[in-house]
């Protein structure tokens, strides 16, 4: 799966335990109702965010993760997370050249008038 949008937040690396680290990224989608999506990068993937800045347009490859947890009272809870594993800059296309920079059209007088036109010829178009 992929998430497209602009980088809103890049948090610093969090060392959760001696053997686990994570880094959070927030991407804001660009649609009618923009969404702020929190994506976690873990372990060696935290370094992928080093070359990105707030405001850049990106495409993030993600996996959805789900966990089950039973609390001390015996109630089962479920948690979801979005885990990023690749990020790419999205290069927006260059705007089209303004009409003033387009090559001029030849004047209508540069075209020869049709001389072999006959209205009585049958049209062979299928419609």
Protein backbone atom coordinates (compact mmCIF):
# COMPACT_ATOMS: atom_id res chain seq x y z
CA UNK A 1 0.00 0.00 0.00
CA UNK A 2 1.08 3.58 -0.49
CA UNK A 3 0.31 6.96 1.03
CA UNK A 4 0.74 10.11 -1.09
CA UNK A 5 0.96 13.56 0.44
CA UNK A 6 3.11 16.30 1.96
CA UNK A 7 5.41 15.83 4.91
CA UNK A 8 3.90 17.65 7.89
CA UNK A 9 6.10 16.35 10.75
CA UNK A 10 9.32 14.35 11.05
CA UNK A 11 10.00 13.43 14.66
CA UNK A 12 13.44 12.53 16.01
CA UNK A 13 14.42 8.91 16.56
CA UNK A 14 13.02 7.42 19.78
CA UNK A 15 15.07 4.69 21.46
CA UNK A 16 12.19 2.65 22.92
CA UNK A 17 14.43 -0.09 24.37
CA UNK A 18 18.03 -1.22 24.07
CA UNK A 19 17.15 -3.15 20.92
CA UNK A 20 14.22 -1.17 19.44
CA UNK A 21 14.03 2.31 17.93
CA UNK A 22 11.36 4.11 15.92
CA UNK A 23 10.78 7.41 14.14
CA UNK A 24 7.42 8.93 13.32
CA UNK A 25 6.43 10.76 10.16
CA UNK A 26 3.15 12.59 9.57
CA UNK A 27 1.99 12.89 5.96
CA UNK A 28 -0.97 15.08 5.03
CA UNK A 29 -2.91 13.76 2.05
CA UNK A 30 -3.99 16.20 -0.66
CA UNK A 31 -7.63 15.41 -1.30
CA UNK A 32 -11.01 17.00 -0.63
CA UNK A 33 -10.77 16.07 3.06
CA UNK A 34 -7.01 15.97 3.87
CA UNK A 35 -5.95 13.33 6.37
CA UNK A 36 -2.93 13.52 8.69
CA UNK A 37 -1.47 10.00 8.61
CA UNK A 38 1.04 8.97 11.29
CA UNK A 39 3.55 6.47 9.87
CA UNK A 40 6.18 4.69 11.98
CA UNK A 41 9.61 3.75 10.65
CA UNK A 42 11.45 1.24 12.85
CA UNK A 43 15.01 -0.03 13.34
CA UNK A 44 17.27 0.63 10.31
CA UNK A 45 14.35 2.21 8.38
CA UNK A 46 14.50 5.28 10.68
CA UNK A 47 17.48 6.52 8.63
CA UNK A 48 15.32 6.73 5.49
CA UNK A 49 13.81 9.97 6.82
CA UNK A 50 17.16 11.79 7.10
CA UNK A 51 16.96 13.25 3.58
CA UNK A 52 13.41 14.59 3.80
CA UNK A 53 12.02 17.93 4.96
CA UNK A 54 8.67 19.32 6.04
CA UNK A 55 6.63 20.43 3.02
CA UNK A 56 8.04 17.95 0.52
CA UNK A 57 5.64 15.83 -1.49
CA UNK A 58 6.27 12.11 -0.91
CA UNK A 59 5.04 8.62 -1.63
CA UNK A 60 5.41 6.26 1.33
CA UNK A 61 5.15 2.48 1.00
CA UNK A 62 3.43 1.06 4.08
CA UNK A 63 2.24 -2.09 5.79
CA UNK A 64 -0.74 -2.16 8.13
CA UNK A 65 0.02 -3.96 11.39
CA UNK A 66 -2.43 -5.18 14.02
CA UNK A 67 -1.84 -6.51 17.54
CA UNK A 68 -3.92 -8.16 20.19
CA UNK A 69 -3.28 -7.36 23.87
CA UNK A 70 -4.96 -8.67 27.00
CA UNK A 71 -4.90 -6.15 29.86
CA UNK A 72 -4.49 -7.16 33.54
CA UNK A 73 -8.30 -7.21 33.93
CA UNK A 74 -8.51 -9.89 31.22
CA UNK A 75 -10.02 -7.59 28.55
CA UNK A 76 -8.74 -8.08 25.03
CA UNK A 77 -7.74 -4.92 23.17
CA UNK A 78 -6.67 -4.50 19.54
CA UNK A 79 -4.22 -1.94 18.19
CA UNK A 80 -3.32 -0.93 14.66
CA UNK A 81 -0.21 0.78 13.35
CA UNK A 82 1.03 1.95 9.99
CA UNK A 83 4.61 0.94 9.35
CA UNK A 84 6.65 2.60 6.61
CA UNK A 85 9.35 0.70 4.76
CA UNK A 86 10.14 2.99 1.79
CA UNK A 87 9.78 6.70 1.02
CA UNK A 88 10.25 8.55 -2.27
CA UNK A 89 10.05 12.19 -3.30
CA UNK A 90 7.25 12.89 -5.75
CA UNK A 91 8.38 15.14 -8.55
CA UNK A 92 5.50 17.24 -9.78
CA UNK A 93 5.38 17.73 -13.52
CA UNK A 94 6.61 21.04 -14.87
CA UNK A 95 3.76 23.35 -15.87
CA UNK A 96 2.97 23.53 -19.57
CA UNK A 97 4.60 26.36 -21.50
CA UNK A 98 2.46 29.51 -21.62
CA UNK A 99 0.77 30.25 -24.95
CA UNK A 100 3.19 33.14 -25.52
CA UNK A 101 6.08 30.63 -25.67
CA UNK A 102 4.40 28.16 -28.03
CA UNK A 103 5.34 28.20 -31.72
CA UNK A 104 2.94 30.33 -33.79
CA UNK A 105 0.31 28.68 -35.98
CA UNK A 106 0.68 29.26 -39.72
CA UNK A 107 -1.82 31.78 -41.11
CA UNK A 108 -4.93 30.34 -42.77
CA UNK A 109 -3.83 31.81 -46.12
CA UNK A 110 -0.87 29.39 -46.12
CA UNK A 111 -3.21 26.47 -46.90
CA UNK A 112 -4.43 25.71 -50.43
CA UNK A 113 -8.20 25.49 -50.82
CA UNK A 114 -9.61 22.09 -51.72
CA UNK A 115 -10.28 21.87 -55.46
CA UNK A 116 -11.37 18.23 -55.76
CA UNK A 117 -14.47 18.59 -53.60
CA UNK A 118 -17.70 17.17 -55.07
CA UNK A 119 -20.89 17.24 -53.00
CA UNK A 120 -22.44 14.50 -55.12
CA UNK A 121 -19.78 11.93 -54.14
CA UNK A 122 -21.13 9.33 -51.76
CA UNK A 123 -19.79 9.43 -48.28
CA UNK A 124 -18.23 6.06 -47.27
CA UNK A 125 -18.27 6.70 -43.52
CA UNK A 126 -20.03 3.92 -41.57
CA UNK A 127 -22.27 6.30 -39.62
